[in-house]
């Protein structure tokens, strides 16, 4: 049985070119980059080369690049590190911090959960719901900003629907008002240009395993002048913002992965939007399927599709048995019986939400694979509807 992997927004396979860069650091290049001897300095040089590669991708200074253990850690460090810094400057306890944050209702749980935690410490949060097409109205964010607002957070690309959010519009206003702006760009890498200066971002996060790089490493861009405090203490890595030994193989792979994502790469993958449209068009025609996020600008590789009359969790099992890997949404929420908070934020009814599946394509997707997938999905859905 041929297997089709349509869950690229969860993770991607390691690109052979990236693996080739990593392999030596899994074997003979074993040094700790914090050591001053020969082996340590070889590891340090590799780490700093990767930092320069990420900085080149982001068009920023290497001094603005911090490596973390994951995208989730990077989001937590951005949000909670900023709040900790404010607490240290203003008061002795977070309980008295107060203040106000604005976030979208379609953020990843690694943004929403830290923000919800802050509510318990006296921080007021405004959650901005999405429009029915999945896009956040930038004016609703801008109108929610107050004098006491110390953070605005908006993702670049939604991980469930692929909808591109109006980060540029919000970033212009937050920059003018000197309010720290956090952008979760994890799903944007490899699909859109990710340039913090153009986005108006003060804090921006990446995870290379979404772009054919390794797991176990994340990136936090911190604009020069934006101050945060560490969450993991016990060392002075990355400008004192993180304790622990650097994961050198993963960091080397991180640099190599982002070095591949040049303008020519983006041009090639964007041309595959026709395959996404072909996929959706056939599902709509054959199965009366409904595309969530249709009508909004989306990245080329993501289709969130509702199949009326079919429970998504049952369909996912059937698809897996038939050779197709897909998901209900974020991999971090896998196994949860809760309906997607992203689709609920869009105002979709519960029945439609619970019949929705996310299909996300790898850069290597072909027309033959799309057509084969449509045939398999059609057979599975019709069988379940019986």
Protein backbone atom coordinates (compact mmCIF):
# COMPACT_ATOMS: atom_id res chain seq x y z
CA UNK A 1 0.00 0.00 0.00
CA UNK A 2 1.32 3.42 -0.94
CA UNK A 3 1.37 5.86 1.97
CA UNK A 4 0.76 9.59 1.54
CA UNK A 5 1.98 12.04 4.16
CA UNK A 6 -0.38 15.01 4.31
CA UNK A 7 0.56 16.28 7.78
CA UNK A 8 3.47 18.60 7.04
CA UNK A 9 2.23 21.28 9.45
CA UNK A 10 2.83 18.79 12.28
CA UNK A 11 6.38 18.06 11.14
CA UNK A 12 8.40 17.34 8.03
CA UNK A 13 11.06 14.77 7.13
CA UNK A 14 14.65 15.87 7.44
CA UNK A 15 16.00 17.06 4.10
CA UNK A 16 19.03 14.99 2.93
CA UNK A 17 21.12 18.14 2.59
CA UNK A 18 20.33 19.10 6.18
CA UNK A 19 21.07 15.59 7.43
CA UNK A 20 24.46 15.74 5.74
CA UNK A 21 25.33 18.84 7.78
CA UNK A 22 24.12 17.27 11.04
CA UNK A 23 25.76 13.85 10.77
CA UNK A 24 29.32 14.81 11.81
CA UNK A 25 27.97 16.42 14.99
CA UNK A 26 26.26 13.19 15.95
CA UNK A 27 29.59 11.35 15.82
CA UNK A 28 33.10 12.81 15.80
CA UNK A 29 32.24 16.48 16.42
CA UNK A 30 30.98 15.91 19.96
CA UNK A 31 32.41 18.91 21.81
CA UNK A 32 30.52 21.14 24.24
CA UNK A 33 30.48 24.63 22.69
CA UNK A 34 30.96 26.19 26.12
CA UNK A 35 34.35 24.46 26.55
CA UNK A 36 37.48 26.43 25.68
CA UNK A 37 39.52 23.52 24.32
CA UNK A 38 39.89 22.38 20.71
CA UNK A 39 36.77 20.18 20.63
CA UNK A 40 34.64 22.79 22.33
CA UNK A 41 35.73 25.55 19.99
CA UNK A 42 34.95 23.45 16.93
CA UNK A 43 31.44 23.03 18.27
CA UNK A 44 31.28 26.75 19.10
CA UNK A 45 32.26 27.67 15.54
CA UNK A 46 29.55 25.39 14.13
CA UNK A 47 26.97 26.89 16.48
CA UNK A 48 27.87 30.45 15.52
CA UNK A 49 27.83 29.60 11.83
CA UNK A 50 24.27 28.36 12.30
CA UNK A 51 23.40 31.57 14.13
CA UNK A 52 24.69 33.57 11.17
CA UNK A 53 22.64 31.41 8.78
CA UNK A 54 19.44 32.05 10.74
CA UNK A 55 20.26 35.75 10.97
CA UNK A 56 20.81 35.87 7.22
CA UNK A 57 17.41 34.21 6.70
CA UNK A 58 15.72 36.74 9.01
CA UNK A 59 17.86 39.64 7.71
CA UNK A 60 18.79 40.58 11.24
CA UNK A 61 21.91 40.69 13.42
CA UNK A 62 23.26 37.38 14.79
CA UNK A 63 23.12 39.08 18.20
CA UNK A 64 19.31 39.08 17.86
CA UNK A 65 19.09 35.27 17.42
CA UNK A 66 18.56 32.99 20.44
CA UNK A 67 18.39 29.19 20.17
CA UNK A 68 15.85 27.30 22.29
CA UNK A 69 14.79 23.67 22.61
CA UNK A 70 11.60 24.05 20.53
CA UNK A 71 9.17 26.51 19.03
CA UNK A 72 6.99 26.13 22.12
CA UNK A 73 9.87 27.11 24.37
CA UNK A 74 10.61 30.07 22.12
CA UNK A 75 7.01 31.31 22.40
CA UNK A 76 7.07 30.86 26.17
CA UNK A 77 10.40 32.65 26.47
CA UNK A 78 9.10 35.56 24.38
CA UNK A 79 5.91 36.07 26.38
CA UNK A 80 6.85 35.04 29.91
CA UNK A 81 10.38 36.41 29.55
CA UNK A 82 8.96 39.82 28.67
CA UNK A 83 6.54 39.74 31.59
CA UNK A 84 9.28 38.61 33.99
CA UNK A 85 11.42 41.53 32.87
CA UNK A 86 8.56 43.94 33.51
CA UNK A 87 7.95 42.39 36.93
CA UNK A 88 11.62 42.81 37.84
CA UNK A 89 11.54 46.44 36.76
CA UNK A 90 8.22 47.49 38.28
CA UNK A 91 7.21 45.37 41.22
CA UNK A 92 8.38 42.54 43.41
CA UNK A 93 5.52 40.20 42.48
CA UNK A 94 3.72 39.30 39.27
CA UNK A 95 0.52 39.32 41.32
CA UNK A 96 0.71 43.11 41.36
CA UNK A 97 1.88 43.54 37.79
CA UNK A 98 -1.48 44.11 36.16
CA UNK A 99 -1.18 45.45 32.66
CA UNK A 100 -2.88 44.26 29.51
CA UNK A 101 -2.14 41.94 26.56
CA UNK A 102 -3.88 41.56 23.21
CA UNK A 103 -3.76 38.19 21.42
CA UNK A 104 -5.74 36.57 18.64
CA UNK A 105 -8.10 33.74 19.43
CA UNK A 106 -6.48 31.50 16.81
CA UNK A 107 -2.97 31.39 18.29
CA UNK A 108 -1.16 28.13 18.96
CA UNK A 109 -1.53 26.71 22.47
CA UNK A 110 2.11 27.62 23.18
CA UNK A 111 0.95 31.24 23.05
CA UNK A 112 -2.54 30.92 24.50
CA UNK A 113 -1.59 28.77 27.49
CA UNK A 114 1.12 31.14 28.82
CA UNK A 115 -1.22 34.09 28.34
CA UNK A 116 -4.03 32.31 30.19
CA UNK A 117 -1.58 31.56 32.99
CA UNK A 118 -0.78 35.27 33.21
CA UNK A 119 -4.45 36.05 33.79
CA UNK A 120 -4.12 34.27 37.12
CA UNK A 121 -1.41 36.75 38.09
CA UNK A 122 -3.46 39.86 37.47
CA UNK A 123 -2.75 40.46 33.79
CA UNK A 124 -5.82 41.35 31.73
CA UNK A 125 -6.02 39.75 28.29
CA UNK A 126 -8.15 40.67 25.28
CA UNK A 127 -8.73 37.76 22.89
CA UNK A 128 -9.61 38.81 19.34
CA UNK A 129 -11.81 36.27 17.50
CA UNK A 130 -11.33 35.55 13.81
CA UNK A 131 -13.64 36.47 10.99
CA UNK A 132 -15.57 33.61 9.37
CA UNK A 133 -12.77 33.19 6.82
CA UNK A 134 -10.18 32.71 9.59
CA UNK A 135 -8.50 36.10 9.26
CA UNK A 136 -8.12 38.43 12.21
CA UNK A 137 -9.36 41.97 11.59
CA UNK A 138 -6.28 44.13 12.33
CA UNK A 139 -8.48 47.04 13.37
CA UNK A 140 -9.96 44.97 16.18
CA UNK A 141 -6.48 44.38 17.55
CA UNK A 142 -5.47 48.00 17.13
CA UNK A 143 -8.68 49.27 18.73
CA UNK A 144 -8.09 46.99 21.73
CA UNK A 145 -4.70 48.51 22.56
CA UNK A 146 -4.72 50.60 25.75
CA UNK A 147 -2.27 52.77 27.59
CA UNK A 148 -1.39 49.84 29.86
CA UNK A 149 -0.94 47.31 27.00
CA UNK A 150 2.55 45.81 27.20
CA UNK A 151 2.25 43.00 24.62
CA UNK A 152 0.45 42.23 21.37
CA UNK A 153 0.78 38.75 19.86
CA UNK A 154 -0.38 37.65 16.41
CA UNK A 155 0.79 34.63 14.41
CA UNK A 156 1.95 35.00 10.82
CA UNK A 157 0.23 31.87 9.47
CA UNK A 158 -2.40 29.81 11.24
CA UNK A 159 -1.29 26.23 11.68
CA UNK A 160 -4.77 24.74 11.18
CA UNK A 161 -6.23 26.76 8.30
CA UNK A 162 -3.13 28.18 6.62
CA UNK A 163 -4.69 31.67 6.74
CA UNK A 164 -2.12 34.46 6.53
CA UNK A 165 -2.71 37.02 9.27
CA UNK A 166 -2.37 40.82 8.93
CA UNK A 167 0.90 41.02 10.82
CA UNK A 168 2.27 43.93 8.77
CA UNK A 169 -0.72 46.15 9.56
CA UNK A 170 -0.58 45.45 13.27
CA UNK A 171 3.21 45.72 13.40
CA UNK A 172 3.19 49.22 11.95
CA UNK A 173 0.92 50.45 14.76
CA UNK A 174 2.71 48.66 17.60
CA UNK A 175 6.05 50.03 16.36
CA UNK A 176 4.62 53.56 16.29
CA UNK A 177 3.25 53.18 19.83
CA UNK A 178 6.35 51.36 21.10
CA UNK A 179 4.41 48.33 22.29
CA UNK A 180 6.29 45.00 22.13
CA UNK A 181 4.90 42.88 19.30
CA UNK A 182 5.33 39.09 19.26
CA UNK A 183 4.91 37.11 16.03
CA UNK A 184 4.70 33.33 15.97
CA UNK A 185 6.13 32.73 12.48
CA UNK A 186 6.62 28.98 12.90
CA UNK A 187 4.19 27.99 10.14
CA UNK A 188 5.34 30.80 7.86
CA UNK A 189 8.90 29.61 7.31
CA UNK A 190 9.33 28.00 3.93
CA UNK A 191 6.03 29.42 2.70
CA UNK A 192 6.47 33.18 3.04
CA UNK A 193 9.36 35.61 3.54
CA UNK A 194 9.95 36.00 7.27
CA UNK A 195 11.67 39.34 7.92
CA UNK A 196 11.06 40.75 11.43
CA UNK A 197 11.92 44.30 10.44
CA UNK A 198 9.30 44.31 7.68
CA UNK A 199 6.72 42.64 9.95
CA UNK A 200 7.31 45.13 12.75
CA UNK A 201 8.13 42.28 15.13
CA UNK A 202 10.08 42.78 18.35
CA UNK A 203 9.92 39.08 19.19
CA UNK A 204 9.54 36.35 16.54
CA UNK A 205 9.67 32.56 16.77
CA UNK A 206 10.67 29.78 14.37
CA UNK A 207 10.91 25.96 14.47
CA UNK A 208 12.98 24.32 11.73
CA UNK A 209 11.24 20.94 11.88
CA UNK A 210 8.31 22.56 10.05
CA UNK A 211 10.67 23.27 7.15
CA UNK A 212 12.57 20.01 6.63
CA UNK A 213 14.91 20.70 9.53
CA UNK A 214 15.46 18.87 12.84
CA UNK A 215 13.29 18.67 15.92
CA UNK A 216 14.64 19.64 19.33
CA UNK A 217 15.54 23.22 18.45
CA UNK A 218 13.69 26.52 18.12
CA UNK A 219 14.60 30.11 17.39
CA UNK A 220 13.63 33.33 19.13
CA UNK A 221 14.42 36.60 17.42
CA UNK A 222 14.71 39.44 19.94
CA UNK A 223 14.97 42.89 18.42
CA UNK A 224 17.90 44.86 19.73
CA UNK A 225 16.63 47.06 22.56
CA UNK A 226 13.80 44.68 23.53
CA UNK A 227 14.67 43.24 26.94
CA UNK A 228 13.44 39.94 28.37
CA UNK A 229 14.48 37.73 31.29
CA UNK A 230 15.45 34.03 31.14
CA UNK A 231 13.01 31.28 32.05
CA UNK A 232 15.60 28.49 32.29
CA UNK A 233 18.34 29.48 34.69
CA UNK A 234 21.61 27.75 35.42
CA UNK A 235 23.91 29.07 32.75
CA UNK A 236 24.72 32.09 30.62
CA UNK A 237 24.03 30.84 27.10
CA UNK A 238 22.70 33.09 24.34
CA UNK A 239 23.35 36.34 26.12
CA UNK A 240 22.32 34.97 29.50
CA UNK A 241 18.82 34.10 28.30
CA UNK A 242 19.03 30.33 28.63
CA UNK A 243 20.70 27.72 30.77
CA UNK A 244 21.66 24.24 29.56
CA UNK A 245 24.06 22.79 27.00
CA UNK A 246 23.39 23.73 23.40
CA UNK A 247 21.98 20.96 21.20
CA UNK A 248 24.72 21.36 18.62
CA UNK A 249 23.55 18.80 16.02
CA UNK A 250 20.03 20.26 16.01
CA UNK A 251 21.31 23.83 15.87
CA UNK A 252 23.61 23.00 12.95
CA UNK A 253 20.61 21.46 11.20
CA UNK A 254 18.52 24.51 12.06
CA UNK A 255 20.96 26.80 10.31
CA UNK A 256 21.19 24.49 7.30
CA UNK A 257 17.40 24.23 7.02
CA UNK A 258 16.81 27.98 6.99
CA UNK A 259 19.73 28.56 4.64
CA UNK A 260 17.79 26.57 2.01
CA UNK A 261 14.74 28.83 2.13
CA UNK A 262 15.85 31.47 -0.36
CA UNK A 263 13.73 33.39 -2.86
CA UNK A 264 14.08 30.69 -5.53
CA UNK A 265 12.83 28.06 -3.08
CA UNK A 266 9.79 30.18 -2.18
CA UNK A 267 9.03 30.75 -5.84
CA UNK A 268 9.05 27.03 -6.57
CA UNK A 269 6.78 26.03 -3.69
CA UNK A 270 4.31 28.86 -4.32
CA UNK A 271 3.69 27.45 -7.78
CA UNK A 272 2.21 24.38 -6.09
CA UNK A 273 -0.80 26.38 -4.91
CA UNK A 274 -2.52 24.98 -8.01
CA UNK A 275 -2.27 21.50 -6.46
CA UNK A 276 -3.94 22.69 -3.27
CA UNK A 277 -6.71 24.29 -5.30
CA UNK A 278 -7.12 21.14 -7.38
CA UNK A 279 -7.35 19.05 -4.20
CA UNK A 280 -10.02 21.30 -2.67
CA UNK A 281 -12.00 21.68 -5.87
CA UNK A 282 -12.32 17.92 -6.31
CA UNK A 283 -13.35 17.35 -2.69
CA UNK A 284 -15.99 20.07 -2.92
CA UNK A 285 -17.35 18.62 -6.15
CA UNK A 286 -17.38 14.97 -5.19
CA UNK A 287 -18.23 15.13 -1.49
CA UNK A 288 -19.90 18.50 -0.89
CA UNK A 289 -16.93 19.27 1.33
CA UNK A 290 -16.45 22.76 2.79
CA UNK A 291 -13.05 24.46 2.92
CA UNK A 292 -12.45 26.35 6.16
CA UNK A 293 -10.58 29.59 5.54
CA UNK A 294 -11.65 29.81 1.92
CA UNK A 295 -11.78 33.40 0.77
CA UNK A 296 -8.84 34.50 2.89
CA UNK A 297 -5.24 34.62 1.70
CA UNK A 298 -3.64 31.30 2.64
CA UNK A 299 -0.29 29.59 2.29
CA UNK A 300 0.02 27.14 -0.58
CA UNK A 301 0.22 23.90 1.39
CA UNK A 302 -2.72 23.88 3.84
CA UNK A 303 -6.31 22.75 3.37
CA UNK A 304 -8.71 22.53 6.31
CA UNK A 305 -11.75 20.65 5.04
CA UNK A 306 -15.09 19.79 6.62
CA UNK A 307 -16.93 16.64 5.51
CA UNK A 308 -20.59 17.03 6.57
CA UNK A 309 -22.04 13.97 8.23
CA UNK A 310 -18.68 12.41 9.10
CA UNK A 311 -16.86 12.60 12.44
CA UNK A 312 -13.28 13.73 11.88
CA UNK A 313 -11.74 11.40 14.46
CA UNK A 314 -13.36 8.38 12.80
CA UNK A 315 -12.39 9.55 9.34
CA UNK A 316 -8.77 10.08 10.41
CA UNK A 317 -8.51 6.46 11.52
CA UNK A 318 -10.06 5.26 8.27
CA UNK A 319 -7.70 7.44 6.22
CA UNK A 320 -4.68 6.15 8.12
CA UNK A 321 -5.78 2.59 7.41
CA UNK A 322 -6.08 3.53 3.74
CA UNK A 323 -2.59 5.08 3.70
CA UNK A 324 -3.17 8.83 4.23
CA UNK A 325 -1.68 10.70 7.20
CA UNK A 326 -3.64 13.83 8.16
CA UNK A 327 -4.79 15.47 11.40
CA UNK A 328 -7.59 17.41 13.06
CA UNK A 329 -5.27 20.33 13.78
CA UNK A 330 -2.26 21.07 15.93
CA UNK A 331 -0.11 18.03 16.71
CA UNK A 332 0.25 19.39 20.25
CA UNK A 333 -3.48 18.79 20.73
CA UNK A 334 -3.46 15.27 19.27
CA UNK A 335 -5.65 12.92 21.28
CA UNK A 336 -7.79 15.73 22.63
CA UNK A 337 -11.53 15.36 22.22
CA UNK A 338 -12.05 19.13 22.36
CA UNK A 339 -13.16 20.84 19.15
CA UNK A 340 -10.64 23.11 17.45
CA UNK A 341 -10.42 26.49 19.19
CA UNK A 342 -9.31 27.96 15.86
CA UNK A 343 -12.45 26.91 13.99
CA UNK A 344 -14.68 27.87 16.92
CA UNK A 345 -13.05 31.32 16.96
CA UNK A 346 -14.12 31.64 13.31
CA UNK A 347 -17.73 31.21 14.41
CA UNK A 348 -18.22 27.84 12.73
CA UNK A 349 -20.90 25.62 14.22
CA UNK A 350 -19.83 22.66 16.34
CA UNK A 351 -20.97 20.03 13.82
CA UNK A 352 -18.81 21.55 11.10
CA UNK A 353 -15.85 21.85 13.45
CA UNK A 354 -16.09 18.21 14.51
CA UNK A 355 -16.14 17.05 10.88
CA UNK A 356 -13.03 19.01 9.85
CA UNK A 357 -9.62 17.67 8.94
CA UNK A 358 -6.36 19.45 8.13
CA UNK A 359 -4.36 18.30 5.13
CA UNK A 360 -0.92 19.91 4.81
CA UNK A 361 1.44 19.12 1.96
CA UNK A 362 5.18 18.65 1.76
CA UNK A 363 7.16 20.66 -0.82
CA UNK A 364 7.60 17.43 -2.82
CA UNK A 365 3.82 16.97 -3.38
CA UNK A 366 2.87 15.89 -6.89
CA UNK A 367 -0.28 15.99 -8.99
CA UNK A 368 -0.44 12.19 -8.96
CA UNK A 369 -0.38 12.13 -5.15
CA UNK A 370 -3.13 14.75 -4.97
CA UNK A 371 -5.36 12.80 -7.34
CA UNK A 372 -4.71 9.52 -5.53
CA UNK A 373 -5.51 11.15 -2.19
CA UNK A 374 -8.80 12.55 -3.48
CA UNK A 375 -9.85 9.10 -4.70
CA UNK A 376 -9.02 7.53 -1.33
CA UNK A 377 -10.75 10.27 0.65
CA UNK A 378 -13.84 9.99 -1.53
CA UNK A 379 -14.05 6.25 -0.94
CA UNK A 380 -13.58 6.59 2.84
CA UNK A 381 -16.08 9.43 3.28
CA UNK A 382 -18.78 7.78 1.17
CA UNK A 383 -18.31 4.53 3.05
CA UNK A 384 -18.67 6.26 6.42
CA UNK A 385 -21.73 8.21 5.27
CA UNK A 386 -23.48 4.94 4.55
